[in-house]
PDB file of N, CA and C in Angstrom:
ATOM      1  N   UNK A   1      -7.999 -17.506 -13.048  1.00  0.00           N
ATOM      2  CA  UNK A   1      -7.162 -16.420 -12.540  1.00  0.00           C
ATOM      3  C   UNK A   1      -8.000 -15.160 -12.326  1.00  0.00           C
ATOM      4  N   UNK A   2      -8.942 -14.925 -13.193  1.00  0.00           N
ATOM      5  CA  UNK A   2      -9.773 -13.742 -13.084  1.00  0.00           C
ATOM      6  C   UNK A   2     -10.626 -13.780 -11.822  1.00  0.00           C
ATOM      7  N   UNK A   3     -11.068 -14.964 -11.444  1.00  0.00           N
ATOM      8  CA  UNK A   3     -11.892 -15.108 -10.233  1.00  0.00           C
ATOM      9  C   UNK A   3     -11.086 -14.702  -9.018  1.00  0.00           C
ATOM     10  N   UNK A   4      -9.816 -15.069  -8.956  1.00  0.00           N
ATOM     11  CA  UNK A   4      -8.960 -14.702  -7.837  1.00  0.00           C
ATOM     12  C   UNK A   4      -8.772 -13.201  -7.754  1.00  0.00           C
ATOM     13  N   UNK A   5      -8.614 -12.546  -8.866  1.00  0.00           N
ATOM     14  CA  UNK A   5      -8.455 -11.093  -8.875  1.00  0.00           C
ATOM     15  C   UNK A   5      -9.731 -10.415  -8.404  1.00  0.00           C
ATOM     16  N   UNK A   6     -10.877 -10.906  -8.841  1.00  0.00           N
ATOM     17  CA  UNK A   6     -12.151 -10.330  -8.404  1.00  0.00           C
ATOM     18  C   UNK A   6     -12.346 -10.520  -6.908  1.00  0.00           C
ATOM     19  N   UNK A   7     -12.036 -11.710  -6.399  1.00  0.00           N
ATOM     20  CA  UNK A   7     -12.152 -11.968  -4.966  1.00  0.00           C
ATOM     21  C   UNK A   7     -11.191 -11.066  -4.199  1.00  0.00           C
ATOM     22  N   UNK A   8      -9.974 -10.906  -4.686  1.00  0.00           N
ATOM     23  CA  UNK A   8      -8.999 -10.043  -4.037  1.00  0.00           C
ATOM     24  C   UNK A   8      -9.498  -8.601  -3.994  1.00  0.00           C
ATOM     25  N   UNK A   9     -10.056  -8.107  -5.078  1.00  0.00           N
ATOM     26  CA  UNK A   9     -10.561  -6.732  -5.099  1.00  0.00           C
ATOM     27  C   UNK A   9     -11.741  -6.559  -4.149  1.00  0.00           C
ATOM     28  N   UNK A  10     -12.596  -7.543  -4.055  1.00  0.00           N
ATOM     29  CA  UNK A  10     -13.737  -7.462  -3.127  1.00  0.00           C
ATOM     30  C   UNK A  10     -13.234  -7.445  -1.676  1.00  0.00           C
ATOM     31  N   UNK A  11     -12.265  -8.294  -1.364  1.00  0.00           N
ATOM     32  CA  UNK A  11     -11.708  -8.317  -0.004  1.00  0.00           C
ATOM     33  C   UNK A  11     -11.032  -6.980   0.301  1.00  0.00           C
ATOM     34  N   UNK A  12     -10.271  -6.440  -0.628  1.00  0.00           N
ATOM     35  CA  UNK A  12      -9.629  -5.141  -0.400  1.00  0.00           C
ATOM     36  C   UNK A  12     -10.646  -4.032  -0.215  1.00  0.00           C
ATOM     37  N   UNK A  13     -11.753  -4.083  -0.975  1.00  0.00           N
ATOM     38  CA  UNK A  13     -12.803  -3.099  -0.800  1.00  0.00           C
ATOM     39  C   UNK A  13     -13.431  -3.192   0.577  1.00  0.00           C
ATOM     40  N   UNK A  14     -13.658  -4.420   1.053  1.00  0.00           N
ATOM     41  CA  UNK A  14     -14.224  -4.610   2.399  1.00  0.00           C
ATOM     42  C   UNK A  14     -13.272  -4.089   3.469  1.00  0.00           C
ATOM     43  N   UNK A  15     -11.984  -4.320   3.281  1.00  0.00           N
ATOM     44  CA  UNK A  15     -10.999  -3.803   4.234  1.00  0.00           C
ATOM     45  C   UNK A  15     -10.996  -2.273   4.228  1.00  0.00           C
ATOM     46  N   UNK A  16     -11.090  -1.689   3.042  1.00  0.00           N
ATOM     47  CA  UNK A  16     -11.132  -0.234   2.946  1.00  0.00           C
ATOM     48  C   UNK A  16     -12.373   0.340   3.642  1.00  0.00           C
ATOM     49  N   UNK A  17     -13.517  -0.304   3.482  1.00  0.00           N
ATOM     50  CA  UNK A  17     -14.744   0.146   4.152  1.00  0.00           C
ATOM     51  C   UNK A  17     -14.570   0.025   5.663  1.00  0.00           C
ATOM     52  N   UNK A  18     -14.004  -1.089   6.126  1.00  0.00           N
ATOM     53  CA  UNK A  18     -13.799  -1.285   7.549  1.00  0.00           C
ATOM     54  C   UNK A  18     -12.886  -0.191   8.115  1.00  0.00           C
ATOM     55  N   UNK A  19     -11.792   0.114   7.406  1.00  0.00           N
ATOM     56  CA  UNK A  19     -10.865   1.151   7.867  1.00  0.00           C
ATOM     57  C   UNK A  19     -11.551   2.510   7.857  1.00  0.00           C
ATOM     58  N   UNK A  20     -12.381   2.777   6.854  1.00  0.00           N
ATOM     59  CA  UNK A  20     -13.099   4.036   6.785  1.00  0.00           C
ATOM     60  C   UNK A  20     -14.042   4.182   7.973  1.00  0.00           C
ATOM     61  N   UNK A  21     -14.729   3.123   8.326  1.00  0.00           N
ATOM     62  CA  UNK A  21     -15.643   3.173   9.482  1.00  0.00           C
ATOM     63  C   UNK A  21     -14.859   3.360  10.769  1.00  0.00           C
ATOM     64  N   UNK A  22     -13.772   2.649  10.928  1.00  0.00           N
ATOM     65  CA  UNK A  22     -12.938   2.796  12.127  1.00  0.00           C
ATOM     66  C   UNK A  22     -12.328   4.200  12.220  1.00  0.00           C
ATOM     67  N   UNK A  23     -11.988   4.775  11.086  1.00  0.00           N
ATOM     68  CA  UNK A  23     -11.374   6.103  11.056  1.00  0.00           C
ATOM     69  C   UNK A  23     -12.355   7.168  11.528  1.00  0.00           C
ATOM     70  N   UNK A  24     -13.633   6.976  11.280  1.00  0.00           N
ATOM     71  CA  UNK A  24     -14.638   7.933  11.740  1.00  0.00           C
ATOM     72  C   UNK A  24     -14.797   7.866  13.249  1.00  0.00           C
ATOM     73  N   UNK A  25     -14.572   6.729  13.832  1.00  0.00           N
ATOM     74  CA  UNK A  25     -14.805   6.556  15.260  1.00  0.00           C
ATOM     75  C   UNK A  25     -13.652   7.070  16.124  1.00  0.00           C
ATOM     76  N   UNK A  26     -12.463   7.139  15.592  1.00  0.00           N
ATOM     77  CA  UNK A  26     -11.341   7.623  16.378  1.00  0.00           C
ATOM     78  C   UNK A  26     -10.382   8.397  15.506  1.00  0.00           C
ATOM     79  N   UNK A  27      -9.589   9.196  16.133  1.00  0.00           N
ATOM     80  CA  UNK A  27      -8.596   9.997  15.422  1.00  0.00           C
ATOM     81  C   UNK A  27      -7.353   9.149  15.169  1.00  0.00           C
ATOM     82  N   UNK A  28      -6.992   8.946  13.924  1.00  0.00           N
ATOM     83  CA  UNK A  28      -5.829   8.175  13.569  1.00  0.00           C
ATOM     84  C   UNK A  28      -4.909   8.992  12.671  1.00  0.00           C
ATOM     85  N   UNK A  29      -3.695   8.535  12.556  1.00  0.00           N
ATOM     86  CA  UNK A  29      -2.741   9.200  11.662  1.00  0.00           C
ATOM     87  C   UNK A  29      -3.052   8.806  10.229  1.00  0.00           C
ATOM     88  N   UNK A  30      -2.935   9.768   9.358  1.00  0.00           N
ATOM     89  CA  UNK A  30      -3.167   9.513   7.925  1.00  0.00           C
ATOM     90  C   UNK A  30      -1.925   8.895   7.301  1.00  0.00           C
ATOM     91  N   UNK A  31      -2.159   8.130   6.251  1.00  0.00           N
ATOM     92  CA  UNK A  31      -1.052   7.539   5.530  1.00  0.00           C
ATOM     93  C   UNK A  31      -0.366   8.626   4.706  1.00  0.00           C
ATOM     94  N   UNK A  32       0.946   8.561   4.620  1.00  0.00           N
ATOM     95  CA  UNK A  32       1.683   9.555   3.845  1.00  0.00           C
ATOM     96  C   UNK A  32       1.467   9.310   2.355  1.00  0.00           C
ATOM     97  N   UNK A  33       1.624  10.361   1.555  1.00  0.00           N
ATOM     98  CA  UNK A  33       1.461  10.169   0.099  1.00  0.00           C
ATOM     99  C   UNK A  33       2.435   9.164  -0.487  1.00  0.00           C
ATOM    100  N   UNK A  34       3.647   9.113   0.037  1.00  0.00           N
ATOM    101  CA  UNK A  34       4.637   8.157  -0.472  1.00  0.00           C
ATOM    102  C   UNK A  34       4.236   6.725  -0.121  1.00  0.00           C
ATOM    103  N   UNK A  35       3.706   6.526   1.076  1.00  0.00           N
ATOM    104  CA  UNK A  35       3.239   5.192   1.451  1.00  0.00           C
ATOM    105  C   UNK A  35       2.023   4.789   0.641  1.00  0.00           C
ATOM    106  N   UNK A  36       1.156   5.726   0.337  1.00  0.00           N
ATOM    107  CA  UNK A  36      -0.011   5.430  -0.501  1.00  0.00           C
ATOM    108  C   UNK A  36       0.404   5.042  -1.920  1.00  0.00           C
ATOM    109  N   UNK A  37       1.413   5.719  -2.431  1.00  0.00           N
ATOM    110  CA  UNK A  37       1.911   5.388  -3.754  1.00  0.00           C
ATOM    111  C   UNK A  37       2.564   4.006  -3.761  1.00  0.00           C
ATOM    112  N   UNK A  38       3.307   3.707  -2.694  1.00  0.00           N
ATOM    113  CA  UNK A  38       3.916   2.371  -2.563  1.00  0.00           C
ATOM    114  C   UNK A  38       2.854   1.300  -2.533  1.00  0.00           C
ATOM    115  N   UNK A  39       1.779   1.542  -1.769  1.00  0.00           N
ATOM    116  CA  UNK A  39       0.688   0.596  -1.680  1.00  0.00           C
ATOM    117  C   UNK A  39       0.023   0.392  -3.043  1.00  0.00           C
ATOM    118  N   UNK A  40      -0.130   1.471  -3.799  1.00  0.00           N
ATOM    119  CA  UNK A  40      -0.724   1.387  -5.140  1.00  0.00           C
ATOM    120  C   UNK A  40       0.149   0.536  -6.058  1.00  0.00           C
ATOM    121  N   UNK A  41       1.464   0.670  -5.974  1.00  0.00           N
ATOM    122  CA  UNK A  41       2.342  -0.121  -6.828  1.00  0.00           C
ATOM    123  C   UNK A  41       2.295  -1.602  -6.451  1.00  0.00           C
ATOM    124  N   UNK A  42       2.212  -1.893  -5.154  1.00  0.00           N
ATOM    125  CA  UNK A  42       2.128  -3.287  -4.717  1.00  0.00           C
ATOM    126  C   UNK A  42       0.813  -3.899  -5.190  1.00  0.00           C
ATOM    127  N   UNK A  43      -0.282  -3.154  -5.083  1.00  0.00           N
ATOM    128  CA  UNK A  43      -1.566  -3.659  -5.565  1.00  0.00           C
ATOM    129  C   UNK A  43      -1.566  -3.842  -7.078  1.00  0.00           C
ATOM    130  N   UNK A  44      -0.957  -2.900  -7.792  1.00  0.00           N
ATOM    131  CA  UNK A  44      -0.906  -3.047  -9.243  1.00  0.00           C
ATOM    132  C   UNK A  44      -0.061  -4.253  -9.658  1.00  0.00           C
ATOM    133  N   UNK A  45       0.923  -4.597  -8.809  1.00  0.00           N
ATOM    134  CA  UNK A  45       1.710  -5.789  -9.144  1.00  0.00           C
ATOM    135  C   UNK A  45       0.853  -7.044  -9.063  1.00  0.00           C
ATOM    136  N   UNK A  46      -0.158  -7.036  -8.221  1.00  0.00           N
ATOM    137  CA  UNK A  46      -1.073  -8.177  -8.154  1.00  0.00           C
ATOM    138  C   UNK A  46      -1.938  -8.264  -9.403  1.00  0.00           C
ATOM    139  N   UNK A  47      -2.323  -7.111  -9.929  1.00  0.00           N
ATOM    140  CA  UNK A  47      -3.154  -7.086 -11.120  1.00  0.00           C
ATOM    141  C   UNK A  47      -2.378  -7.504 -12.373  1.00  0.00           C
ATOM    142  N   UNK A  48      -1.114  -7.079 -12.438  1.00  0.00           N
ATOM    143  CA  UNK A  48      -0.303  -7.397 -13.602  1.00  0.00           C
ATOM    144  C   UNK A  48       0.667  -8.541 -13.321  1.00  0.00           C
ATOM    145  N   UNK A  49       0.291  -9.427 -12.420  1.00  0.00           N
ATOM    146  CA  UNK A  49       1.151 -10.525 -12.006  1.00  0.00           C
ATOM    147  C   UNK A  49       1.305 -11.624 -13.033  1.00  0.00           C
ATOM    148  N   UNK A  50       0.468 -11.621 -14.065  1.00  0.00           N
ATOM    149  CA  UNK A  50       0.572 -12.660 -15.089  1.00  0.00           C
ATOM    150  C   UNK A  50       1.899 -12.556 -15.838  1.00  0.00           C
ATOM    151  N   UNK A  51       2.345 -11.340 -16.085  1.00  0.00           N
ATOM    152  CA  UNK A  51       3.660 -11.119 -16.688  1.00  0.00           C
ATOM    153  C   UNK A  51       4.641 -10.918 -15.530  1.00  0.00           C
ATOM    154  N   UNK A  52       5.504 -11.875 -15.289  1.00  0.00           N
ATOM    155  CA  UNK A  52       6.354 -11.834 -14.116  1.00  0.00           C
ATOM    156  C   UNK A  52       7.268 -10.643 -14.069  1.00  0.00           C
ATOM    157  N   UNK A  53       7.815 -10.236 -15.215  1.00  0.00           N
ATOM    158  CA  UNK A  53       8.741  -9.112 -15.233  1.00  0.00           C
ATOM    159  C   UNK A  53       8.040  -7.840 -14.774  1.00  0.00           C
ATOM    160  N   UNK A  54       6.867  -7.592 -15.274  1.00  0.00           N
ATOM    161  CA  UNK A  54       6.130  -6.378 -14.873  1.00  0.00           C
ATOM    162  C   UNK A  54       5.655  -6.500 -13.421  1.00  0.00           C
ATOM    163  N   UNK A  55       5.104  -7.658 -13.056  1.00  0.00           N
ATOM    164  CA  UNK A  55       4.622  -7.854 -11.693  1.00  0.00           C
ATOM    165  C   UNK A  55       5.703  -7.680 -10.646  1.00  0.00           C
ATOM    166  N   UNK A  56       6.826  -8.327 -10.851  1.00  0.00           N
ATOM    167  CA  UNK A  56       7.920  -8.215  -9.894  1.00  0.00           C
ATOM    168  C   UNK A  56       8.549  -6.820  -9.896  1.00  0.00           C
ATOM    169  N   UNK A  57       8.565  -6.206 -11.065  1.00  0.00           N
ATOM    170  CA  UNK A  57       9.098  -4.840 -11.157  1.00  0.00           C
ATOM    171  C   UNK A  57       8.251  -3.850 -10.368  1.00  0.00           C
ATOM    172  N   UNK A  58       6.922  -3.969 -10.525  1.00  0.00           N
ATOM    173  CA  UNK A  58       6.023  -3.090  -9.753  1.00  0.00           C
ATOM    174  C   UNK A  58       6.119  -3.369  -8.269  1.00  0.00           C
ATOM    175  N   UNK A  59       6.217  -4.651  -7.899  1.00  0.00           N
ATOM    176  CA  UNK A  59       6.346  -5.021  -6.489  1.00  0.00           C
ATOM    177  C   UNK A  59       7.638  -4.454  -5.912  1.00  0.00           C
ATOM    178  N   UNK A  60       8.733  -4.602  -6.623  1.00  0.00           N
ATOM    179  CA  UNK A  60      10.013  -4.080  -6.139  1.00  0.00           C
ATOM    180  C   UNK A  60       9.996  -2.581  -5.994  1.00  0.00           C
ATOM    181  N   UNK A  61       9.395  -1.879  -6.980  1.00  0.00           N
ATOM    182  CA  UNK A  61       9.333  -0.428  -6.896  1.00  0.00           C
ATOM    183  C   UNK A  61       8.455   0.017  -5.728  1.00  0.00           C
ATOM    184  N   UNK A  62       7.365  -0.695  -5.480  1.00  0.00           N
ATOM    185  CA  UNK A  62       6.516  -0.387  -4.339  1.00  0.00           C
ATOM    186  C   UNK A  62       7.249  -0.596  -3.027  1.00  0.00           C
ATOM    187  N   UNK A  63       8.016  -1.664  -2.942  1.00  0.00           N
ATOM    188  CA  UNK A  63       8.799  -1.906  -1.725  1.00  0.00           C
ATOM    189  C   UNK A  63       9.865  -0.836  -1.524  1.00  0.00           C
ATOM    190  N   UNK A  64      10.499  -0.420  -2.621  1.00  0.00           N
ATOM    191  CA  UNK A  64      11.499   0.635  -2.539  1.00  0.00           C
ATOM    192  C   UNK A  64      10.881   1.932  -2.024  1.00  0.00           C
ATOM    193  N   UNK A  65       9.693   2.297  -2.520  1.00  0.00           N
ATOM    194  CA  UNK A  65       9.007   3.496  -2.036  1.00  0.00           C
ATOM    195  C   UNK A  65       8.636   3.362  -0.570  1.00  0.00           C
ATOM    196  N   UNK A  66       8.186   2.185  -0.168  1.00  0.00           N
ATOM    197  CA  UNK A  66       7.836   1.974   1.241  1.00  0.00           C
ATOM    198  C   UNK A  66       9.071   2.118   2.143  1.00  0.00           C
ATOM    199  N   UNK A  67      10.188   1.577   1.712  1.00  0.00           N
ATOM    200  CA  UNK A  67      11.412   1.710   2.494  1.00  0.00           C
ATOM    201  C   UNK A  67      11.874   3.172   2.564  1.00  0.00           C
ATOM    202  N   UNK A  68      11.732   3.910   1.478  1.00  0.00           N
ATOM    203  CA  UNK A  68      12.067   5.323   1.487  1.00  0.00           C
ATOM    204  C   UNK A  68      11.170   6.089   2.461  1.00  0.00           C
ATOM    205  N   UNK A  69       9.900   5.733   2.494  1.00  0.00           N
ATOM    206  CA  UNK A  69       8.960   6.387   3.425  1.00  0.00           C
ATOM    207  C   UNK A  69       9.333   6.086   4.862  1.00  0.00           C
ATOM    208  N   UNK A  70       9.687   4.841   5.147  1.00  0.00           N
ATOM    209  CA  UNK A  70      10.099   4.454   6.502  1.00  0.00           C
ATOM    210  C   UNK A  70      11.361   5.211   6.888  1.00  0.00           C
ATOM    211  N   UNK A  71      12.325   5.310   5.969  1.00  0.00           N
ATOM    212  CA  UNK A  71      13.576   6.014   6.238  1.00  0.00           C
ATOM    213  C   UNK A  71      13.306   7.496   6.505  1.00  0.00           C
ATOM    214  N   UNK A  72      12.437   8.115   5.706  1.00  0.00           N
ATOM    215  CA  UNK A  72      12.124   9.529   5.887  1.00  0.00           C
ATOM    216  C   UNK A  72      11.429   9.770   7.230  1.00  0.00           C
ATOM    217  N   UNK A  73      10.529   8.896   7.624  1.00  0.00           N
ATOM    218  CA  UNK A  73       9.842   9.059   8.917  1.00  0.00           C
ATOM    219  C   UNK A  73      10.826   8.876  10.075  1.00  0.00           C
ATOM    220  N   UNK A  74      11.719   7.909   9.968  1.00  0.00           N
ATOM    221  CA  UNK A  74      12.697   7.664  11.033  1.00  0.00           C
ATOM    222  C   UNK A  74      13.673   8.834  11.149  1.00  0.00           C
ATOM    223  N   UNK A  75      14.096   9.359  10.027  1.00  0.00           N
ATOM    224  CA  UNK A  75      15.035  10.483  10.027  1.00  0.00           C
ATOM    225  C   UNK A  75      14.387  11.716  10.636  1.00  0.00           C
ATOM    226  N   UNK A  76      13.084  11.915  10.382  1.00  0.00           N
ATOM    227  CA  UNK A  76      12.394  13.053  10.944  1.00  0.00           C
ATOM    228  C   UNK A  76      12.212  12.957  12.449  1.00  0.00           C
ATOM    229  N   UNK A  77      12.024  11.746  12.971  1.00  0.00           N
ATOM    230  CA  UNK A  77      11.838  11.571  14.418  1.00  0.00           C
ATOM    231  C   UNK A  77      13.142  11.710  15.182  1.00  0.00           C
ATOM    232  N   UNK A  78      14.267  11.348  14.599  1.00  0.00           N
ATOM    233  CA  UNK A  78      15.520  11.397  15.323  1.00  0.00           C
ATOM    234  C   UNK A  78      15.966  12.830  15.585  1.00  0.00           C
ATOM    235  N   UNK A  79      15.486  13.785  14.798  1.00  0.00           N
ATOM    236  CA  UNK A  79      15.855  15.182  14.978  1.00  0.00           C
ATOM    237  C   UNK A  79      15.082  15.845  16.109  1.00  0.00           C
ATOM    238  N   UNK A  80      14.009  15.223  16.585  1.00  0.00           N
ATOM    239  CA  UNK A  80      13.143  15.840  17.592  1.00  0.00           C
ATOM    240  C   UNK A  80      13.365  15.259  18.975  1.00  0.00           C
ATOM    241  N   UNK A  81      14.546  14.746  19.257  1.00  0.00           N
ATOM    242  CA  UNK A  81      14.810  14.140  20.571  1.00  0.00           C
ATOM    243  C   UNK A  81      14.960  15.205  21.623  1.00  0.00           C
TER     244      UNK A  81
END
């Protein structure tokens, strides 16, 4: 199980490096703090996935934060029509 976590972290680090390189080449929108926090909770659920209650709880809370972020962005755009 530890090998899978290490491989997952290496892959995520490579993705982060790729995004960082791409971000330097073009102007992109930054991730909102709420979306970043949601992403952190989902990633932490992978790390603490051995205990199902904690893993699923962190995953659910991360999804809830992501949905709140989507709702807030949608609500902000509808006012600017």
